[in-house]
Amino acid sequence: MINEAKRIFIYGIWSSGLVAQDLNYRMSRMGFISEEIIDPHLTILRSTLLQERD
């Protein structure tokens, strides 16, 4: 599923946000289009905008 994804969103709040950032860096280095979302309000907003293959 990850290989076929158009975009990858990685969610993390508080201390999990640091893990999300690290995973985002690693995914980017592997060539994936990814973004970490660590703001609680932005997690809700981004979740409502997800499309197929995200």
C-alpha atoms as a PDB file:
ATOM      1  CA  MET A   1       0.000   0.000   0.000  1.00  0.00           C
ATOM      2  CA  ILE A   2       2.825   2.408   0.807  1.00  0.00           C
ATOM      3  CA  ASN A   3       4.482   1.848  -2.563  1.00  0.00           C
ATOM      4  CA  GLU A   4       1.225   2.661  -4.359  1.00  0.00           C
ATOM      5  CA  ALA A   5       0.319   5.680  -2.222  1.00  0.00           C
ATOM      6  CA  LYS A   6       0.133   9.085  -3.869  1.00  0.00           C
ATOM      7  CA  ARG A   7       0.839  10.908  -0.578  1.00  0.00           C
ATOM      8  CA  ILE A   8       1.632   9.631   2.900  1.00  0.00           C
ATOM      9  CA  PHE A   9       0.465  11.552   5.951  1.00  0.00           C
ATOM     10  CA  ILE A  10       2.094  10.714   9.274  1.00  0.00           C
ATOM     11  CA  TYR A  11       0.193  11.851  12.352  1.00  0.00           C
ATOM     12  CA  GLY A  12       1.689  12.354  15.794  1.00  0.00           C
ATOM     13  CA  ILE A  13       0.696  14.457  18.799  1.00  0.00           C
ATOM     14  CA  TRP A  14       3.085  15.623  21.550  1.00  0.00           C
ATOM     15  CA  SER A  15       5.955  13.160  22.001  1.00  0.00           C
ATOM     16  CA  SER A  16       4.659  11.069  19.100  1.00  0.00           C
ATOM     17  CA  GLY A  17       5.183  14.150  16.951  1.00  0.00           C
ATOM     18  CA  LEU A  18       8.947  13.643  17.209  1.00  0.00           C
ATOM     19  CA  VAL A  19       8.536  10.088  15.962  1.00  0.00           C
ATOM     20  CA  ALA A  20       6.319  11.344  13.130  1.00  0.00           C
ATOM     21  CA  GLN A  21       8.964  13.881  12.104  1.00  0.00           C
ATOM     22  CA  ASP A  22      11.689  11.253  12.078  1.00  0.00           C
ATOM     23  CA  LEU A  23       9.552   8.862  10.034  1.00  0.00           C
ATOM     24  CA  ASN A  24       8.738  11.663   7.586  1.00  0.00           C
ATOM     25  CA  TYR A  25      12.450  12.378   7.067  1.00  0.00           C
ATOM     26  CA  ARG A  26      13.147   8.698   6.486  1.00  0.00           C
ATOM     27  CA  MET A  27      10.236   8.288   4.054  1.00  0.00           C
ATOM     28  CA  SER A  28      11.350  11.386   2.133  1.00  0.00           C
ATOM     29  CA  ARG A  29      14.877  10.023   1.819  1.00  0.00           C
ATOM     30  CA  MET A  30      13.413   6.807   0.402  1.00  0.00           C
ATOM     31  CA  GLY A  31      11.618   8.828  -2.287  1.00  0.00           C
ATOM     32  CA  PHE A  32       8.083   8.899  -0.913  1.00  0.00           C
ATOM     33  CA  ILE A  33       5.939  12.026  -0.854  1.00  0.00           C
ATOM     34  CA  SER A  34       5.159  12.321   2.839  1.00  0.00           C
ATOM     35  CA  GLU A  35       4.184  14.930   5.374  1.00  0.00           C
ATOM     36  CA  GLU A  36       4.079  14.830   9.149  1.00  0.00           C
ATOM     37  CA  ILE A  37       1.111  16.404  10.897  1.00  0.00           C
ATOM     38  CA  ILE A  38       1.819  17.219  14.546  1.00  0.00           C
ATOM     39  CA  ASP A  39      -0.687  19.985  15.276  1.00  0.00           C
ATOM     40  CA  PRO A  40      -3.917  18.625  16.849  1.00  0.00           C
ATOM     41  CA  HIS A  41      -6.158  20.983  14.871  1.00  0.00           C
ATOM     42  CA  LEU A  42      -4.361  20.289  11.610  1.00  0.00           C
ATOM     43  CA  THR A  43      -4.795  16.536  12.087  1.00  0.00           C
ATOM     44  CA  ILE A  44      -8.558  16.979  11.888  1.00  0.00           C
ATOM     45  CA  LEU A  45      -8.374  19.321   8.912  1.00  0.00           C
ATOM     46  CA  ARG A  46      -5.989  17.116   6.917  1.00  0.00           C
ATOM     47  CA  SER A  47      -7.997  13.977   7.721  1.00  0.00           C
ATOM     48  CA  THR A  48     -11.098  15.457   6.127  1.00  0.00           C
ATOM     49  CA  LEU A  49      -9.168  16.236   2.930  1.00  0.00           C
ATOM     50  CA  LEU A  50      -7.778  12.726   2.366  1.00  0.00           C
ATOM     51  CA  GLN A  51      -8.339  11.224  -1.060  1.00  0.00           C
ATOM     52  CA  GLU A  52      -8.108   7.718  -2.419  1.00  0.00           C
ATOM     53  CA  ARG A  53      -4.494   6.447  -2.427  1.00  0.00           C
ATOM     54  CA  ASP A  54      -3.456   8.860   0.398  1.00  0.00           C
END
